[in-house]
Amino acid sequence: MILTALEEDTLRKVQHKCVELGGKCEILPYDLSDIEGINTLVDTALSFYGGIDVMYNNAGISQRAKAGDTLFDVDKKIMDVNYFAPIKITKYLLPAMLKNGGGTLAVTTSISGRFGFPLRSAYCASKHALYGFFETVAAEYYDQNIRVALICPGRVKTNISWYALEKDGARHAKMDAGQAGGITTEKAAKKIVHAIRKQRPETLVGSMELLMVYIKRFFPRLSRQLVRRIKPE
């Protein structure tokens, strides 16, 4: 296992836990907004075990500001972390996966990748874009044993709202009520691991909020009305 995230101390805690359980674990602290260094990151990851069978793109950053108020630099940072980083990793990793006979590319999207949501314009855009890219990869490389697993969460009790960006790039720095009421990370993780093992094309993770995905699909007019009535946090 190879883990990448911003916080080296957190990575080391997880690494120690994996080793205690008898596994092998390497860590690569990295800021995915640094797009230019991603090829080196992937090369280092490949050097540990000689190949990667499963890549899970889970990094992401959210937003809490109206589209017209958000600085373009904030839009760009969100797109860099949420969209351009995963696709650059995928493009650079794909030849190695193909050489080894295939693999699984998993990516965290969001129910916000299925419909627009107030105060999340750049976040929604990045998640919509992930669907377009990875569904295309799934179609293009299916015959070469590349599988794509789209993980589509609703509300999971994580710190994503705490680290969300406001209009000027400042940290939101609070837990939204909706986020606090989400399913636990443990429950989400079990469902995600199962979905990746089974190579399921798309998996919804969450609770009652997931109904909005089906409302958008079958009742688009009602969906638009409901979204306009949402009082965003």
Protein backbone atom coordinates (compact mmCIF):
# COMPACT_ATOMS: atom_id res chain seq x y z
CA MET A 1 0.00 0.00 0.00
CA ILE A 2 1.16 3.53 -0.80
CA LEU A 3 -0.52 6.52 0.87
CA THR A 4 -0.40 10.14 -0.22
CA ALA A 5 -1.83 13.17 1.57
CA LEU A 6 -0.84 16.60 2.79
CA GLU A 7 -0.28 15.75 6.46
CA GLU A 8 2.84 13.64 7.00
CA ASP A 9 2.08 13.03 10.70
CA THR A 10 -1.34 11.60 9.85
CA LEU A 11 0.16 9.43 7.12
CA ARG A 12 2.70 8.03 9.56
CA LYS A 13 -0.04 7.09 12.03
CA VAL A 14 -1.87 5.15 9.33
CA GLN A 15 1.39 3.61 8.16
CA HIS A 16 2.18 2.34 11.65
CA LYS A 17 -1.32 0.87 11.96
CA CYS A 18 -0.95 -0.96 8.63
CA VAL A 19 2.41 -2.40 9.69
CA GLU A 20 0.96 -3.50 13.04
CA LEU A 21 -1.72 -5.41 11.11
CA GLY A 22 0.96 -7.17 9.09
CA GLY A 23 0.80 -5.13 5.90
CA LYS A 24 3.35 -3.18 3.91
CA CYS A 25 2.88 0.56 3.66
CA GLU A 26 4.85 3.42 2.14
CA ILE A 27 3.94 7.09 2.44
CA LEU A 28 4.41 10.02 0.07
CA PRO A 29 3.38 13.36 1.61
CA TYR A 30 2.38 15.64 -1.26
CA ASP A 31 0.29 18.69 -2.16
CA LEU A 32 -1.72 17.77 -5.25
CA SER A 33 -2.18 21.41 -6.18
CA ASP A 34 1.45 21.15 -7.36
CA ILE A 35 0.54 19.70 -10.75
CA GLU A 36 4.06 19.98 -12.15
CA GLY A 37 5.52 17.45 -9.70
CA ILE A 38 2.96 14.70 -10.22
CA ASN A 39 5.01 12.68 -12.70
CA THR A 40 7.83 12.44 -10.15
CA LEU A 41 5.29 11.46 -7.49
CA VAL A 42 4.00 8.61 -9.67
CA ASP A 43 7.54 7.47 -10.54
CA THR A 44 8.40 7.29 -6.84
CA ALA A 45 5.22 5.34 -6.10
CA LEU A 46 5.97 2.85 -8.90
CA SER A 47 9.50 2.35 -7.57
CA PHE A 48 8.29 0.94 -4.24
CA TYR A 49 6.68 -2.28 -5.47
CA GLY A 50 7.33 -2.25 -9.22
CA GLY A 51 3.72 -1.59 -10.16
CA ILE A 52 0.29 -0.40 -9.01
CA ASP A 53 -2.79 -2.59 -9.35
CA VAL A 54 -5.33 -0.22 -7.79
CA MET A 55 -5.18 3.59 -7.78
CA TYR A 56 -7.71 5.40 -5.62
CA ASN A 57 -7.95 9.15 -6.29
CA ASN A 58 -9.60 10.42 -3.12
CA ALA A 59 -8.09 13.88 -2.53
CA GLY A 60 -10.49 16.81 -2.82
CA ILE A 61 -11.29 20.30 -1.68
CA SER A 62 -14.72 21.87 -1.43
CA GLN A 63 -16.10 25.41 -1.63
CA ARG A 64 -18.45 27.73 0.25
CA ALA A 65 -19.10 30.81 -1.95
CA LYS A 66 -21.33 32.01 -4.78
CA ALA A 67 -19.97 31.58 -8.30
CA GLY A 68 -19.82 35.31 -9.05
CA ASP A 69 -18.07 36.11 -5.77
CA THR A 70 -15.39 33.41 -5.97
CA LEU A 71 -11.96 34.55 -7.12
CA PHE A 72 -10.72 32.78 -10.24
CA ASP A 73 -7.59 31.62 -8.39
CA VAL A 74 -9.88 29.75 -5.99
CA ASP A 75 -11.72 28.13 -8.91
CA LYS A 76 -8.38 27.08 -10.37
CA LYS A 77 -7.07 25.59 -7.12
CA ILE A 78 -10.22 23.52 -6.71
CA MET A 79 -10.00 22.29 -10.30
CA ASP A 80 -6.29 21.52 -9.91
CA VAL A 81 -6.76 19.35 -6.82
CA ASN A 82 -10.09 17.76 -7.72
CA TYR A 83 -9.72 17.26 -11.47
CA PHE A 84 -6.35 17.98 -13.06
CA ALA A 85 -4.33 16.09 -10.42
CA PRO A 86 -6.34 12.84 -10.80
CA ILE A 87 -6.26 12.95 -14.59
CA LYS A 88 -2.53 13.67 -14.70
CA ILE A 89 -1.88 10.79 -12.30
CA THR A 90 -4.06 8.55 -14.47
CA LYS A 91 -2.41 9.55 -17.75
CA TYR A 92 1.06 8.93 -16.33
CA LEU A 93 0.15 5.70 -14.52
CA LEU A 94 -1.94 4.14 -17.29
CA PRO A 95 0.97 2.86 -19.45
CA ALA A 96 2.44 1.03 -16.45
CA MET A 97 -0.94 -0.53 -15.64
CA LEU A 98 -1.41 -1.64 -19.24
CA LYS A 99 2.08 -3.15 -19.31
CA ASN A 100 1.24 -5.17 -16.18
CA GLY A 101 -1.98 -6.50 -17.72
CA GLY A 102 -4.52 -4.03 -16.36
CA GLY A 103 -5.72 -2.51 -13.12
CA THR A 104 -8.42 -0.56 -11.33
CA LEU A 105 -8.76 3.21 -11.32
CA ALA A 106 -11.04 4.38 -8.52
CA VAL A 107 -11.99 8.02 -7.96
CA THR A 108 -14.15 9.89 -5.48
CA THR A 109 -16.74 11.94 -7.32
CA SER A 110 -19.75 13.30 -5.41
CA ILE A 111 -23.49 13.59 -5.72
CA SER A 112 -22.54 17.20 -6.52
CA GLY A 113 -21.13 15.74 -9.73
CA ARG A 114 -24.67 14.79 -10.70
CA PHE A 115 -26.36 18.18 -10.18
CA GLY A 116 -25.49 21.78 -9.34
CA PHE A 117 -25.56 22.83 -5.70
CA PRO A 118 -25.49 26.35 -4.18
CA LEU A 119 -22.10 27.70 -3.03
CA ARG A 120 -20.30 24.81 -4.78
CA SER A 121 -19.86 25.99 -8.41
CA ALA A 122 -16.17 25.05 -8.84
CA TYR A 123 -16.55 21.95 -6.68
CA CYS A 124 -19.55 20.74 -8.71
CA ALA A 125 -17.73 21.54 -11.96
CA SER A 126 -14.70 19.48 -10.91
CA LYS A 127 -16.85 16.52 -9.97
CA HIS A 128 -18.88 16.70 -13.19
CA ALA A 129 -15.58 16.71 -15.09
CA LEU A 130 -14.36 13.59 -13.29
CA TYR A 131 -17.40 11.70 -14.53
CA GLY A 132 -16.71 12.71 -18.13
CA PHE A 133 -13.05 11.76 -18.01
CA PHE A 134 -13.23 8.48 -16.12
CA GLU A 135 -16.34 7.16 -17.87
CA THR A 136 -14.46 7.73 -21.14
CA VAL A 137 -11.37 5.93 -19.82
CA ALA A 138 -13.60 3.02 -18.77
CA ALA A 139 -14.98 2.73 -22.30
CA GLU A 140 -11.65 3.18 -24.10
CA TYR A 141 -9.58 0.71 -22.08
CA TYR A 142 -12.14 -1.91 -21.05
CA ASP A 143 -10.76 -4.47 -23.53
CA GLN A 144 -7.29 -3.96 -22.02
CA ASN A 145 -8.49 -4.93 -18.55
CA ILE A 146 -8.67 -1.42 -17.12
CA ARG A 147 -11.64 -1.00 -14.79
CA VAL A 148 -12.99 2.24 -13.34
CA ALA A 149 -14.82 2.51 -10.02
CA LEU A 150 -16.60 5.82 -9.43
CA ILE A 151 -17.23 6.41 -5.72
CA CYS A 152 -20.07 8.90 -5.33
CA PRO A 153 -20.52 10.09 -1.72
CA GLY A 154 -23.26 12.20 -0.30
CA ARG A 155 -22.78 13.31 3.28
CA VAL A 156 -19.95 11.60 5.13
CA LYS A 157 -18.75 12.93 8.46
CA THR A 158 -15.29 14.10 7.40
CA ASN A 159 -13.44 17.41 7.70
CA ILE A 160 -14.13 18.43 4.08
CA SER A 161 -16.33 21.37 5.11
CA TRP A 162 -13.66 22.56 7.58
CA TYR A 163 -11.07 22.79 4.79
CA ALA A 164 -13.49 24.15 2.16
CA LEU A 165 -12.49 27.42 0.49
CA GLU A 166 -14.47 30.63 0.76
CA LYS A 167 -14.60 33.27 -1.98
CA ASP A 168 -11.13 34.66 -1.30
CA GLY A 169 -9.48 31.31 -0.62
CA ALA A 170 -9.79 31.52 3.16
CA ARG A 171 -10.60 28.31 4.99
CA HIS A 172 -14.28 27.81 5.89
CA ALA A 173 -13.06 26.48 9.26
CA LYS A 174 -16.26 24.97 10.58
CA MET A 175 -18.16 21.72 10.40
CA ASP A 176 -21.42 22.14 8.51
CA ALA A 177 -24.51 20.72 10.20
CA GLY A 178 -25.25 18.55 7.18
CA GLN A 179 -21.72 17.16 7.18
CA ALA A 180 -21.87 16.50 10.91
CA GLY A 181 -25.03 14.47 10.36
CA GLY A 182 -23.49 12.31 7.65
CA ILE A 183 -22.62 8.64 7.88
CA THR A 184 -19.42 7.71 9.68
CA THR A 185 -16.13 7.39 7.86
CA GLU A 186 -15.93 3.76 8.99
CA LYS A 187 -19.26 2.91 7.37
CA ALA A 188 -18.31 4.77 4.20
CA ALA A 189 -14.89 3.09 4.03
CA LYS A 190 -16.35 -0.42 4.23
CA LYS A 191 -18.72 0.31 1.36
CA ILE A 192 -15.94 1.92 -0.69
CA VAL A 193 -13.51 -0.96 -0.21
CA HIS A 194 -16.21 -3.46 -1.18
CA ALA A 195 -17.08 -1.44 -4.30
CA ILE A 196 -13.45 -1.25 -5.44
CA ARG A 197 -12.90 -4.97 -4.84
CA LYS A 198 -15.97 -5.75 -6.93
CA GLN A 199 -14.90 -3.14 -9.55
CA ARG A 200 -18.37 -1.61 -9.53
CA PRO A 201 -18.71 1.15 -12.14
CA GLU A 202 -20.47 3.52 -9.71
CA THR A 203 -21.30 3.33 -6.03
CA LEU A 204 -23.42 5.78 -4.06
CA VAL A 205 -22.26 6.26 -0.47
CA GLY A 206 -24.41 8.09 2.06
CA SER A 207 -27.95 8.22 3.40
CA MET A 208 -31.25 9.89 2.47
CA GLU A 209 -29.52 12.70 0.52
CA LEU A 210 -28.71 10.15 -2.19
CA LEU A 211 -32.37 10.35 -3.25
CA MET A 212 -31.48 13.59 -5.03
CA VAL A 213 -29.49 11.59 -7.60
CA TYR A 214 -32.62 9.65 -8.56
CA ILE A 215 -34.85 12.73 -8.44
CA LYS A 216 -32.46 14.45 -10.87
CA ARG A 217 -32.50 11.42 -13.16
CA PHE A 218 -36.24 10.81 -13.27
CA PHE A 219 -37.74 14.17 -12.27
CA PRO A 220 -35.28 16.86 -13.49
CA ARG A 221 -37.74 19.73 -13.17
CA LEU A 222 -38.48 18.84 -9.54
CA SER A 223 -34.76 18.51 -8.93
CA ARG A 224 -34.12 22.07 -10.13
CA GLN A 225 -36.91 23.37 -7.92
CA LEU A 226 -35.53 21.58 -4.87
CA VAL A 227 -31.97 22.82 -5.43
CA ARG A 228 -33.19 26.43 -5.67
CA ARG A 229 -34.88 26.04 -2.28
CA ILE A 230 -31.81 24.69 -0.51
CA LYS A 231 -30.45 26.93 2.20
CA PRO A 232 -26.74 26.26 1.81
CA GLU A 233 -24.34 26.20 4.74
